[in-house]
Structures are given as structure tokens and as C-alpha cells.
Amino acid sequence: MGAAQPAQADFAVVNNENEFRALVQGRELRRFAVRLQVHDDGTISGRGFGRQVTGDWGWQGRYFCRTLEWGSGGDPDNCQLVLRDGDTLRFISDQGQGDSADFRLR
């Protein structure tokens, strides 16, 4: 059995880039075997499953848009809806229509 995730109703939409920046500034996003930092200069850095992770990000309309690279692979540009519940950020791919991943802010 996996860990229970908070219900969608517990989360509120992060509405804009300024709100998002205030949440992640100087903090680390953590998820099982993944630790990332989203920097003010539009870069992403960290480690995932023992590999260095790098990327770029920006804000478009209501969405956090990013690319990620790790090892010899990567994840193409994807714009994601961001939700918040306390110190948890939920990123939902494909403008809120795809898979989700929860990260703890530390």
C-alpha cells in the first residue's frame, strides 16, 4: 500500500509567479529520492535517484513551465498547474490534465 495523499479539495491553486516564487525561494522541494531547488534566475538544480538534475523554468499564465535533464535523459518542456496545501506543492502535468507529483517544501 502506498502512502495516502491529501484529497484534491485540501489544495489551493498557486495563482501567479510571485506567489510561487515566495513559496520556493531558498527552499528545497523533496519527494522520495528527489531533491530540487527552483532558483530565481530561471534554473532548476538538484538530484534525483543519485543523478544530477538541471533544468529551466518560467511562468506562463497560470502555469509553471519547465524542462528537466538528468543523466543521459530528460523530461521535455511541460506546463504544470501548481497547487498548495501547507508545505506540500502538487504539480499536475499537461496544464492540470496529466499526472501529479507532490513535493514537500523544506
PDB file of N, CA and C in Angstrom:
ATOM      1  N   MET A   1       0.831  -1.192   0.000  1.00  0.00           N
ATOM      2  CA  MET A   1       0.000   0.000   0.000  1.00  0.00           C
ATOM      3  C   MET A   1       0.867   1.244   0.000  1.00  0.00           C
ATOM      4  N   GLY A   2       0.486   2.228  -0.781  1.00  0.00           N
ATOM      5  CA  GLY A   2       1.205   3.493  -0.824  1.00  0.00           C
ATOM      6  C   GLY A   2       0.709   4.433   0.253  1.00  0.00           C
ATOM      7  N   ALA A   3       1.457   5.483   0.473  1.00  0.00           N
ATOM      8  CA  ALA A   3       1.058   6.489   1.451  1.00  0.00           C
ATOM      9  C   ALA A   3      -0.162   7.245   0.943  1.00  0.00           C
ATOM     10  N   ALA A   4      -1.038   7.558   1.844  1.00  0.00           N
ATOM     11  CA  ALA A   4      -2.238   8.310   1.465  1.00  0.00           C
ATOM     12  C   ALA A   4      -1.854   9.720   1.066  1.00  0.00           C
ATOM     13  N   GLN A   5      -2.474  10.227   0.016  1.00  0.00           N
ATOM     14  CA  GLN A   5      -2.252  11.597  -0.415  1.00  0.00           C
ATOM     15  C   GLN A   5      -3.443  12.435   0.011  1.00  0.00           C
ATOM     16  N   PRO A   6      -3.201  13.717   0.363  1.00  0.00           N
ATOM     17  CA  PRO A   6      -4.316  14.584   0.722  1.00  0.00           C
ATOM     18  C   PRO A   6      -5.314  14.684  -0.425  1.00  0.00           C
ATOM     19  N   ALA A   7      -6.560  14.845  -0.090  1.00  0.00           N
ATOM     20  CA  ALA A   7      -7.602  14.998  -1.110  1.00  0.00           C
ATOM     21  C   ALA A   7      -7.369  16.262  -1.912  1.00  0.00           C
ATOM     22  N   GLN A   8      -7.773  16.241  -3.172  1.00  0.00           N
ATOM     23  CA  GLN A   8      -7.618  17.404  -4.049  1.00  0.00           C
ATOM     24  C   GLN A   8      -8.244  18.646  -3.423  1.00  0.00           C
ATOM     25  N   ALA A   9      -9.352  18.482  -2.697  1.00  0.00           N
ATOM     26  CA  ALA A   9     -10.066  19.622  -2.123  1.00  0.00           C
ATOM     27  C   ALA A   9      -9.241  20.360  -1.076  1.00  0.00           C
ATOM     28  N   ASP A  10      -8.215  19.703  -0.502  1.00  0.00           N
ATOM     29  CA  ASP A  10      -7.368  20.338   0.503  1.00  0.00           C
ATOM     30  C   ASP A  10      -6.363  21.302  -0.115  1.00  0.00           C
ATOM     31  N   PHE A  11      -6.211  21.247  -1.409  1.00  0.00           N
ATOM     32  CA  PHE A  11      -5.216  22.045  -2.106  1.00  0.00           C
ATOM     33  C   PHE A  11      -5.842  23.291  -2.718  1.00  0.00           C
ATOM     34  N   ALA A  12      -5.048  24.369  -2.746  1.00  0.00           N
ATOM     35  CA  ALA A  12      -5.467  25.621  -3.394  1.00  0.00           C
ATOM     36  C   ALA A  12      -4.499  25.912  -4.536  1.00  0.00           C
ATOM     37  N   VAL A  13      -5.001  26.477  -5.607  1.00  0.00           N
ATOM     38  CA  VAL A  13      -4.179  26.808  -6.769  1.00  0.00           C
ATOM     39  C   VAL A  13      -3.191  27.918  -6.416  1.00  0.00           C
ATOM     40  N   VAL A  14      -1.935  27.743  -6.837  1.00  0.00           N
ATOM     41  CA  VAL A  14      -0.950  28.818  -6.779  1.00  0.00           C
ATOM     42  C   VAL A  14      -1.226  29.665  -8.015  1.00  0.00           C
ATOM     43  N   ASN A  15      -1.694  30.890  -7.796  1.00  0.00           N
ATOM     44  CA  ASN A  15      -2.280  31.689  -8.868  1.00  0.00           C
ATOM     45  C   ASN A  15      -1.312  32.416  -9.783  1.00  0.00           C
ATOM     46  N   ASN A  16      -0.087  32.695  -9.307  1.00  0.00           N
ATOM     47  CA  ASN A  16       0.798  33.506 -10.138  1.00  0.00           C
ATOM     48  C   ASN A  16       2.262  33.271  -9.780  1.00  0.00           C
ATOM     49  N   GLU A  17       3.120  33.813 -10.610  1.00  0.00           N
ATOM     50  CA  GLU A  17       4.558  33.627 -10.440  1.00  0.00           C
ATOM     51  C   GLU A  17       5.066  34.206  -9.124  1.00  0.00           C
ATOM     52  N   ASN A  18       4.576  35.376  -8.727  1.00  0.00           N
ATOM     53  CA  ASN A  18       5.047  35.977  -7.476  1.00  0.00           C
ATOM     54  C   ASN A  18       4.730  35.092  -6.279  1.00  0.00           C
ATOM     55  N   GLU A  19       3.536  34.528  -6.251  1.00  0.00           N
ATOM     56  CA  GLU A  19       3.150  33.618  -5.169  1.00  0.00           C
ATOM     57  C   GLU A  19       4.052  32.379  -5.179  1.00  0.00           C
ATOM     58  N   PHE A  20       4.299  31.831  -6.359  1.00  0.00           N
ATOM     59  CA  PHE A  20       5.155  30.651  -6.483  1.00  0.00           C
ATOM     60  C   PHE A  20       6.574  30.959  -6.011  1.00  0.00           C
ATOM     61  N   ARG A  21       7.127  32.067  -6.471  1.00  0.00           N
ATOM     62  CA  ARG A  21       8.489  32.441  -6.064  1.00  0.00           C
ATOM     63  C   ARG A  21       8.597  32.581  -4.546  1.00  0.00           C
ATOM     64  N   ALA A  22       7.595  33.187  -3.924  1.00  0.00           N
ATOM     65  CA  ALA A  22       7.615  33.361  -2.467  1.00  0.00           C
ATOM     66  C   ALA A  22       7.621  32.004  -1.751  1.00  0.00           C
ATOM     67  N   LEU A  23       6.950  31.031  -2.315  1.00  0.00           N
ATOM     68  CA  LEU A  23       6.892  29.702  -1.702  1.00  0.00           C
ATOM     69  C   LEU A  23       8.208  28.944  -1.811  1.00  0.00           C
ATOM     70  N   VAL A  24       8.894  29.038  -2.945  1.00  0.00           N
ATOM     71  CA  VAL A  24      10.074  28.196  -3.185  1.00  0.00           C
ATOM     72  C   VAL A  24      11.405  28.888  -2.899  1.00  0.00           C
ATOM     73  N   GLN A  25      11.401  30.195  -2.711  1.00  0.00           N
ATOM     74  CA  GLN A  25      12.653  30.933  -2.527  1.00  0.00           C
ATOM     75  C   GLN A  25      13.430  30.395  -1.326  1.00  0.00           C
ATOM     76  N   GLY A  26      14.664  29.966  -1.586  1.00  0.00           N
ATOM     77  CA  GLY A  26      15.548  29.486  -0.537  1.00  0.00           C
ATOM     78  C   GLY A  26      15.145  28.152   0.066  1.00  0.00           C
ATOM     79  N   ARG A  27      14.220  27.450  -0.559  1.00  0.00           N
ATOM     80  CA  ARG A  27      13.742  26.177  -0.029  1.00  0.00           C
ATOM     81  C   ARG A  27      14.021  25.056  -1.021  1.00  0.00           C
ATOM     82  N   GLU A  28      13.930  23.852  -0.525  1.00  0.00           N
ATOM     83  CA  GLU A  28      14.149  22.672  -1.344  1.00  0.00           C
ATOM     84  C   GLU A  28      12.826  21.937  -1.510  1.00  0.00           C
ATOM     85  N   LEU A  29      12.600  21.423  -2.706  1.00  0.00           N
ATOM     86  CA  LEU A  29      11.430  20.581  -2.981  1.00  0.00           C
ATOM     87  C   LEU A  29      11.876  19.131  -2.856  1.00  0.00           C
ATOM     88  N   ARG A  30      11.194  18.366  -1.986  1.00  0.00           N
ATOM     89  CA  ARG A  30      11.603  16.985  -1.740  1.00  0.00           C
ATOM     90  C   ARG A  30      10.466  16.007  -2.005  1.00  0.00           C
ATOM     91  N   ARG A  31      10.881  14.907  -2.576  1.00  0.00           N
ATOM     92  CA  ARG A  31       9.993  13.780  -2.854  1.00  0.00           C
ATOM     93  C   ARG A  31      10.893  12.554  -2.801  1.00  0.00           C
ATOM     94  N   PHE A  32      10.368  11.378  -2.617  1.00  0.00           N
ATOM     95  CA  PHE A  32      11.187  10.178  -2.496  1.00  0.00           C
ATOM     96  C   PHE A  32      12.340  10.193  -3.504  1.00  0.00           C
ATOM     97  N   ALA A  33      13.575  10.207  -2.998  1.00  0.00           N
ATOM     98  CA  ALA A  33      14.810  10.136  -3.794  1.00  0.00           C
ATOM     99  C   ALA A  33      15.019  11.325  -4.733  1.00  0.00           C
ATOM    100  N   VAL A  34      14.252  12.405  -4.559  1.00  0.00           N
ATOM    101  CA  VAL A  34      14.396  13.598  -5.404  1.00  0.00           C
ATOM    102  C   VAL A  34      14.464  14.828  -4.505  1.00  0.00           C
ATOM    103  N   ARG A  35      15.452  15.680  -4.766  1.00  0.00           N
ATOM    104  CA  ARG A  35      15.587  16.963  -4.073  1.00  0.00           C
ATOM    105  C   ARG A  35      15.921  18.023  -5.114  1.00  0.00           C
ATOM    106  N   LEU A  36      15.063  19.030  -5.221  1.00  0.00           N
ATOM    107  CA  LEU A  36      15.234  20.059  -6.243  1.00  0.00           C
ATOM    108  C   LEU A  36      15.159  21.444  -5.636  1.00  0.00           C
ATOM    109  N   GLN A  37      15.848  22.381  -6.269  1.00  0.00           N
ATOM    110  CA  GLN A  37      15.716  23.793  -5.948  1.00  0.00           C
ATOM    111  C   GLN A  37      15.325  24.531  -7.220  1.00  0.00           C
ATOM    112  N   VAL A  38      14.339  25.397  -7.082  1.00  0.00           N
ATOM    113  CA  VAL A  38      13.868  26.231  -8.186  1.00  0.00           C
ATOM    114  C   VAL A  38      14.398  27.632  -7.907  1.00  0.00           C
ATOM    115  N   HIS A  39      15.308  28.103  -8.746  1.00  0.00           N
ATOM    116  CA  HIS A  39      16.032  29.346  -8.483  1.00  0.00           C
ATOM    117  C   HIS A  39      15.378  30.550  -9.161  1.00  0.00           C
ATOM    118  N   ASP A  40      15.621  31.720  -8.562  1.00  0.00           N
ATOM    119  CA  ASP A  40      15.082  32.980  -9.095  1.00  0.00           C
ATOM    120  C   ASP A  40      15.562  33.292 -10.509  1.00  0.00           C
ATOM    121  N   ASP A  41      16.729  32.766 -10.892  1.00  0.00           N
ATOM    122  CA  ASP A  41      17.279  33.083 -12.217  1.00  0.00           C
ATOM    123  C   ASP A  41      16.685  32.219 -13.337  1.00  0.00           C
ATOM    124  N   GLY A  42      15.664  31.415 -13.011  1.00  0.00           N
ATOM    125  CA  GLY A  42      15.014  30.597 -14.028  1.00  0.00           C
ATOM    126  C   GLY A  42      15.625  29.225 -14.221  1.00  0.00           C
ATOM    127  N   THR A  43      16.509  28.826 -13.308  1.00  0.00           N
ATOM    128  CA  THR A  43      17.113  27.497 -13.404  1.00  0.00           C
ATOM    129  C   THR A  43      16.563  26.583 -12.311  1.00  0.00           C
ATOM    130  N   ILE A  44      16.733  25.291 -12.541  1.00  0.00           N
ATOM    131  CA  ILE A  44      16.383  24.252 -11.574  1.00  0.00           C
ATOM    132  C   ILE A  44      17.630  23.402 -11.378  1.00  0.00           C
ATOM    133  N   SER A  45      17.922  23.037 -10.125  1.00  0.00           N
ATOM    134  CA  SER A  45      19.060  22.165  -9.857  1.00  0.00           C
ATOM    135  C   SER A  45      18.694  21.197  -8.744  1.00  0.00           C
ATOM    136  N   GLY A  46      19.461  20.120  -8.670  1.00  0.00           N
ATOM    137  CA  GLY A  46      19.242  19.160  -7.602  1.00  0.00           C
ATOM    138  C   GLY A  46      19.713  17.780  -7.975  1.00  0.00           C
ATOM    139  N   ARG A  47      19.136  16.792  -7.267  1.00  0.00           N
ATOM    140  CA  ARG A  47      19.485  15.397  -7.501  1.00  0.00           C
ATOM    141  C   ARG A  47      18.218  14.565  -7.497  1.00  0.00           C
ATOM    142  N   GLY A  48      18.220  13.545  -8.342  1.00  0.00           N
ATOM    143  CA  GLY A  48      17.115  12.604  -8.392  1.00  0.00           C
ATOM    144  C   GLY A  48      17.633  11.199  -8.590  1.00  0.00           C
ATOM    145  N   PHE A  49      17.335  10.321  -7.664  1.00  0.00           N
ATOM    146  CA  PHE A  49      17.768   8.930  -7.748  1.00  0.00           C
ATOM    147  C   PHE A  49      19.261   8.821  -8.032  1.00  0.00           C
ATOM    148  N   GLY A  50      20.059   9.661  -7.325  1.00  0.00           N
ATOM    149  CA  GLY A  50      21.510   9.612  -7.426  1.00  0.00           C
ATOM    150  C   GLY A  50      22.115  10.337  -8.613  1.00  0.00           C
ATOM    151  N   ARG A  51      21.291  10.967  -9.418  1.00  0.00           N
ATOM    152  CA  ARG A  51      21.797  11.686 -10.595  1.00  0.00           C
ATOM    153  C   ARG A  51      21.572  13.181 -10.444  1.00  0.00           C
ATOM    154  N   GLN A  52      22.495  13.949 -11.040  1.00  0.00           N
ATOM    155  CA  GLN A  52      22.330  15.396 -11.057  1.00  0.00           C
ATOM    156  C   GLN A  52      21.145  15.752 -11.947  1.00  0.00           C
ATOM    157  N   VAL A  53      20.338  16.701 -11.479  1.00  0.00           N
ATOM    158  CA  VAL A  53      19.190  17.194 -12.240  1.00  0.00           C
ATOM    159  C   VAL A  53      19.408  18.677 -12.514  1.00  0.00           C
ATOM    160  N   THR A  54      19.200  19.088 -13.749  1.00  0.00           N
ATOM    161  CA  THR A  54      19.249  20.502 -14.115  1.00  0.00           C
ATOM    162  C   THR A  54      18.032  20.811 -14.980  1.00  0.00           C
ATOM    163  N   GLY A  55      17.709  22.081 -15.066  1.00  0.00           N
ATOM    164  CA  GLY A  55      16.591  22.471 -15.911  1.00  0.00           C
ATOM    165  C   GLY A  55      16.385  23.965 -15.912  1.00  0.00           C
ATOM    166  N   ASP A  56      15.355  24.358 -16.608  1.00  0.00           N
ATOM    167  CA  ASP A  56      14.960  25.763 -16.711  1.00  0.00           C
ATOM    168  C   ASP A  56      13.466  25.848 -16.446  1.00  0.00           C
ATOM    169  N   TRP A  57      13.033  27.016 -15.956  1.00  0.00           N
ATOM    170  CA  TRP A  57      11.610  27.191 -15.699  1.00  0.00           C
ATOM    171  C   TRP A  57      11.179  28.627 -15.980  1.00  0.00           C
ATOM    172  N   GLY A  58       9.898  28.793 -16.169  1.00  0.00           N
ATOM    173  CA  GLY A  58       9.265  30.098 -16.323  1.00  0.00           C
ATOM    174  C   GLY A  58       7.800  29.965 -15.956  1.00  0.00           C
ATOM    175  N   TRP A  59       7.103  31.066 -15.911  1.00  0.00           N
ATOM    176  CA  TRP A  59       5.680  31.066 -15.573  1.00  0.00           C
ATOM    177  C   TRP A  59       4.918  31.603 -16.771  1.00  0.00           C
ATOM    178  N   GLN A  60       3.914  30.861 -17.236  1.00  0.00           N
ATOM    179  CA  GLN A  60       3.097  31.284 -18.377  1.00  0.00           C
ATOM    180  C   GLN A  60       1.631  31.217 -17.972  1.00  0.00           C
ATOM    181  N   GLY A  61       0.997  32.388 -17.862  1.00  0.00           N
ATOM    182  CA  GLY A  61      -0.411  32.430 -17.463  1.00  0.00           C
ATOM    183  C   GLY A  61      -0.596  31.885 -16.066  1.00  0.00           C
ATOM    184  N   ARG A  62      -1.251  30.746 -15.947  1.00  0.00           N
ATOM    185  CA  ARG A  62      -1.492  30.098 -14.654  1.00  0.00           C
ATOM    186  C   ARG A  62      -0.540  28.938 -14.392  1.00  0.00           C
ATOM    187  N   TYR A  63       0.476  28.759 -15.237  1.00  0.00           N
ATOM    188  CA  TYR A  63       1.233  27.513 -15.196  1.00  0.00           C
ATOM    189  C   TYR A  63       2.735  27.697 -15.000  1.00  0.00           C
ATOM    190  N   PHE A  64       3.311  26.766 -14.244  1.00  0.00           N
ATOM    191  CA  PHE A  64       4.746  26.597 -14.074  1.00  0.00           C
ATOM    192  C   PHE A  64       5.218  25.743 -15.248  1.00  0.00           C
ATOM    193  N   CYS A  65       6.083  26.300 -16.084  1.00  0.00           N
ATOM    194  CA  CYS A  65       6.563  25.586 -17.269  1.00  0.00           C
ATOM    195  C   CYS A  65       8.049  25.296 -17.091  1.00  0.00           C
ATOM    196  N   ARG A  66       8.432  24.037 -17.332  1.00  0.00           N
ATOM    197  CA  ARG A  66       9.820  23.666 -17.079  1.00  0.00           C
ATOM    198  C   ARG A  66      10.296  22.562 -18.009  1.00  0.00           C
ATOM    199  N   THR A  67      11.626  22.498 -18.125  1.00  0.00           N
ATOM    200  CA  THR A  67      12.304  21.362 -18.741  1.00  0.00           C
ATOM    201  C   THR A  67      13.260  20.807 -17.696  1.00  0.00           C
ATOM    202  N   LEU A  68      13.504  19.513 -17.729  1.00  0.00           N
ATOM    203  CA  LEU A  68      14.439  18.877 -16.801  1.00  0.00           C
ATOM    204  C   LEU A  68      15.359  17.948 -17.570  1.00  0.00           C
ATOM    205  N   GLU A  69      16.612  17.854 -17.098  1.00  0.00           N
ATOM    206  CA  GLU A  69      17.585  16.925 -17.666  1.00  0.00           C
ATOM    207  C   GLU A  69      18.278  16.215 -16.521  1.00  0.00           C
ATOM    208  N   TRP A  70      18.488  14.905 -16.677  1.00  0.00           N
ATOM    209  CA  TRP A  70      19.245  14.138 -15.702  1.00  0.00           C
ATOM    210  C   TRP A  70      19.898  12.965 -16.415  1.00  0.00           C
ATOM    211  N   GLY A  71      21.107  12.630 -15.963  1.00  0.00           N
ATOM    212  CA  GLY A  71      21.835  11.550 -16.615  1.00  0.00           C
ATOM    213  C   GLY A  71      21.893  11.783 -18.110  1.00  0.00           C
ATOM    214  N   SER A  72      21.547  10.773 -18.883  1.00  0.00           N
ATOM    215  CA  SER A  72      21.535  10.913 -20.338  1.00  0.00           C
ATOM    216  C   SER A  72      20.124  11.169 -20.859  1.00  0.00           C
ATOM    217  N   GLY A  73      19.178  11.374 -19.962  1.00  0.00           N
ATOM    218  CA  GLY A  73      17.788  11.585 -20.376  1.00  0.00           C
ATOM    219  C   GLY A  73      17.249  12.903 -19.887  1.00  0.00           C
ATOM    220  N   GLY A  74      15.963  13.035 -19.986  1.00  0.00           N
ATOM    221  CA  GLY A  74      15.333  14.254 -19.526  1.00  0.00           C
ATOM    222  C   GLY A  74      13.840  14.199 -19.689  1.00  0.00           C
ATOM    223  N   ASP A  75      13.237  15.304 -19.402  1.00  0.00           N
ATOM    224  CA  ASP A  75      11.791  15.442 -19.492  1.00  0.00           C
ATOM    225  C   ASP A  75      11.522  16.698 -20.309  1.00  0.00           C
ATOM    226  N   PRO A  76      10.785  16.584 -21.400  1.00  0.00           N
ATOM    227  CA  PRO A  76      10.570  17.743 -22.273  1.00  0.00           C
ATOM    228  C   PRO A  76       9.791  18.849 -21.573  1.00  0.00           C
ATOM    229  N   ASP A  77       9.757  19.980 -22.228  1.00  0.00           N
ATOM    230  CA  ASP A  77       9.024  21.128 -21.703  1.00  0.00           C
ATOM    231  C   ASP A  77       7.596  20.720 -21.368  1.00  0.00           C
ATOM    232  N   ASN A  78       7.154  21.108 -20.166  1.00  0.00           N
ATOM    233  CA  ASN A  78       5.797  20.790 -19.748  1.00  0.00           C
ATOM    234  C   ASN A  78       5.300  21.909 -18.857  1.00  0.00           C
ATOM    235  N   CYS A  79       4.095  22.380 -19.109  1.00  0.00           N
ATOM    236  CA  CYS A  79       3.477  23.410 -18.275  1.00  0.00           C
ATOM    237  C   CYS A  79       2.529  22.729 -17.301  1.00  0.00           C
ATOM    238  N   GLN A  80       2.692  23.065 -16.019  1.00  0.00           N
ATOM    239  CA  GLN A  80       2.006  22.343 -14.961  1.00  0.00           C
ATOM    240  C   GLN A  80       1.202  23.283 -14.076  1.00  0.00           C
ATOM    241  N   LEU A  81       0.053  22.808 -13.653  1.00  0.00           N
ATOM    242  CA  LEU A  81      -0.736  23.504 -12.648  1.00  0.00           C
ATOM    243  C   LEU A  81      -0.097  23.212 -11.302  1.00  0.00           C
ATOM    244  N   VAL A  82       0.052  24.236 -10.456  1.00  0.00           N
ATOM    245  CA  VAL A  82       0.653  24.053  -9.139  1.00  0.00           C
ATOM    246  C   VAL A  82      -0.413  24.323  -8.084  1.00  0.00           C
ATOM    247  N   LEU A  83      -0.529  23.385  -7.145  1.00  0.00           N
ATOM    248  CA  LEU A  83      -1.454  23.512  -6.024  1.00  0.00           C
ATOM    249  C   LEU A  83      -0.653  23.460  -4.732  1.00  0.00           C
ATOM    250  N   ARG A  84      -1.218  24.050  -3.671  1.00  0.00           N
ATOM    251  CA  ARG A  84      -0.528  24.071  -2.388  1.00  0.00           C
ATOM    252  C   ARG A  84      -1.461  23.644  -1.272  1.00  0.00           C
ATOM    253  N   ASP A  85      -0.915  22.842  -0.364  1.00  0.00           N
ATOM    254  CA  ASP A  85      -1.569  22.504   0.899  1.00  0.00           C
ATOM    255  C   ASP A  85      -0.488  22.548   1.965  1.00  0.00           C
ATOM    256  N   GLY A  86      -0.430  23.642   2.726  1.00  0.00           N
ATOM    257  CA  GLY A  86       0.615  23.800   3.731  1.00  0.00           C
ATOM    258  C   GLY A  86       1.980  23.803   3.081  1.00  0.00           C
ATOM    259  N   ASP A  87       2.846  22.875   3.521  1.00  0.00           N
ATOM    260  CA  ASP A  87       4.200  22.776   2.970  1.00  0.00           C
ATOM    261  C   ASP A  87       4.305  21.735   1.857  1.00  0.00           C
ATOM    262  N   THR A  88       3.187  21.404   1.244  1.00  0.00           N
ATOM    263  CA  THR A  88       3.190  20.472   0.116  1.00  0.00           C
ATOM    264  C   THR A  88       2.754  21.192  -1.148  1.00  0.00           C
ATOM    265  N   LEU A  89       3.564  21.051  -2.198  1.00  0.00           N
ATOM    266  CA  LEU A  89       3.191  21.557  -3.514  1.00  0.00           C
ATOM    267  C   LEU A  89       2.876  20.364  -4.406  1.00  0.00           C
ATOM    268  N   ARG A  90       1.751  20.428  -5.089  1.00  0.00           N
ATOM    269  CA  ARG A  90       1.361  19.394  -6.051  1.00  0.00           C
ATOM    270  C   ARG A  90       1.493  19.981  -7.447  1.00  0.00           C
ATOM    271  N   PHE A  91       2.304  19.331  -8.277  1.00  0.00           N
ATOM    272  CA  PHE A  91       2.497  19.729  -9.669  1.00  0.00           C
ATOM    273  C   PHE A  91       1.702  18.750 -10.530  1.00  0.00           C
ATOM    274  N   ILE A  92       0.781  19.272 -11.361  1.00  0.00           N
ATOM    275  CA  ILE A  92      -0.029  18.424 -12.232  1.00  0.00           C
ATOM    276  C   ILE A  92       0.345  18.746 -13.673  1.00  0.00           C
ATOM    277  N   SER A  93       0.913  17.756 -14.352  1.00  0.00           N
ATOM    278  CA  SER A  93       1.432  17.956 -15.709  1.00  0.00           C
ATOM    279  C   SER A  93       0.326  18.285 -16.704  1.00  0.00           C
ATOM    280  N   ASP A  94       0.750  18.672 -17.882  1.00  0.00           N
ATOM    281  CA  ASP A  94      -0.162  18.929 -19.004  1.00  0.00           C
ATOM    282  C   ASP A  94      -1.271  19.915 -18.638  1.00  0.00           C
ATOM    283  N   GLN A  95      -0.850  21.040 -18.070  1.00  0.00           N
ATOM    284  CA  GLN A  95      -1.765  22.126 -17.677  1.00  0.00           C
ATOM    285  C   GLN A  95      -2.896  21.626 -16.785  1.00  0.00           C
ATOM    286  N   GLY A  96      -2.536  20.754 -15.832  1.00  0.00           N
ATOM    287  CA  GLY A  96      -3.510  20.266 -14.862  1.00  0.00           C
ATOM    288  C   GLY A  96      -4.315  19.073 -15.316  1.00  0.00           C
ATOM    289  N   GLN A  97      -4.004  18.518 -16.494  1.00  0.00           N
ATOM    290  CA  GLN A  97      -4.782  17.394 -17.035  1.00  0.00           C
ATOM    291  C   GLN A  97      -4.047  16.054 -16.939  1.00  0.00           C
ATOM    292  N   GLY A  98      -2.785  16.068 -16.507  1.00  0.00           N
ATOM    293  CA  GLY A  98      -1.979  14.846 -16.526  1.00  0.00           C
ATOM    294  C   GLY A  98      -1.704  14.290 -15.143  1.00  0.00           C
ATOM    295  N   ASP A  99      -0.565  13.624 -15.030  1.00  0.00           N
ATOM    296  CA  ASP A  99      -0.144  13.009 -13.775  1.00  0.00           C
ATOM    297  C   ASP A  99       0.287  14.079 -12.779  1.00  0.00           C
ATOM    298  N   SER A 100       0.227  13.727 -11.496  1.00  0.00           N
ATOM    299  CA  SER A 100       0.627  14.680 -10.460  1.00  0.00           C
ATOM    300  C   SER A 100       1.784  14.125  -9.641  1.00  0.00           C
ATOM    301  N   ALA A 101       2.533  15.047  -9.041  1.00  0.00           N
ATOM    302  CA  ALA A 101       3.622  14.698  -8.132  1.00  0.00           C
ATOM    303  C   ALA A 101       3.604  15.692  -6.983  1.00  0.00           C
ATOM    304  N   ASP A 102       3.646  15.175  -5.759  1.00  0.00           N
ATOM    305  CA  ASP A 102       3.662  16.019  -4.569  1.00  0.00           C
ATOM    306  C   ASP A 102       5.089  16.164  -4.058  1.00  0.00           C
ATOM    307  N   PHE A 103       5.477  17.398  -3.746  1.00  0.00           N
ATOM    308  CA  PHE A 103       6.781  17.707  -3.181  1.00  0.00           C
ATOM    309  C   PHE A 103       6.592  18.447  -1.871  1.00  0.00           C
ATOM    310  N   ARG A 104       7.417  18.108  -0.882  1.00  0.00           N
ATOM    311  CA  ARG A 104       7.421  18.817   0.392  1.00  0.00           C
ATOM    312  C   ARG A 104       8.407  19.975   0.305  1.00  0.00           C
ATOM    313  N   LEU A 105       8.026  21.120   0.834  1.00  0.00           N
ATOM    314  CA  LEU A 105       8.920  22.277   0.915  1.00  0.00           C
ATOM    315  C   LEU A 105       9.738  22.167   2.193  1.00  0.00           C
ATOM    316  N   ARG A 106      11.054  22.247   2.070  1.00  0.00           N
ATOM    317  CA  ARG A 106      11.950  22.186   3.240  1.00  0.00           C
ATOM    318  C   ARG A 106      12.880  23.365   3.232  1.00  0.00           C
TER     319      ARG A 106
END
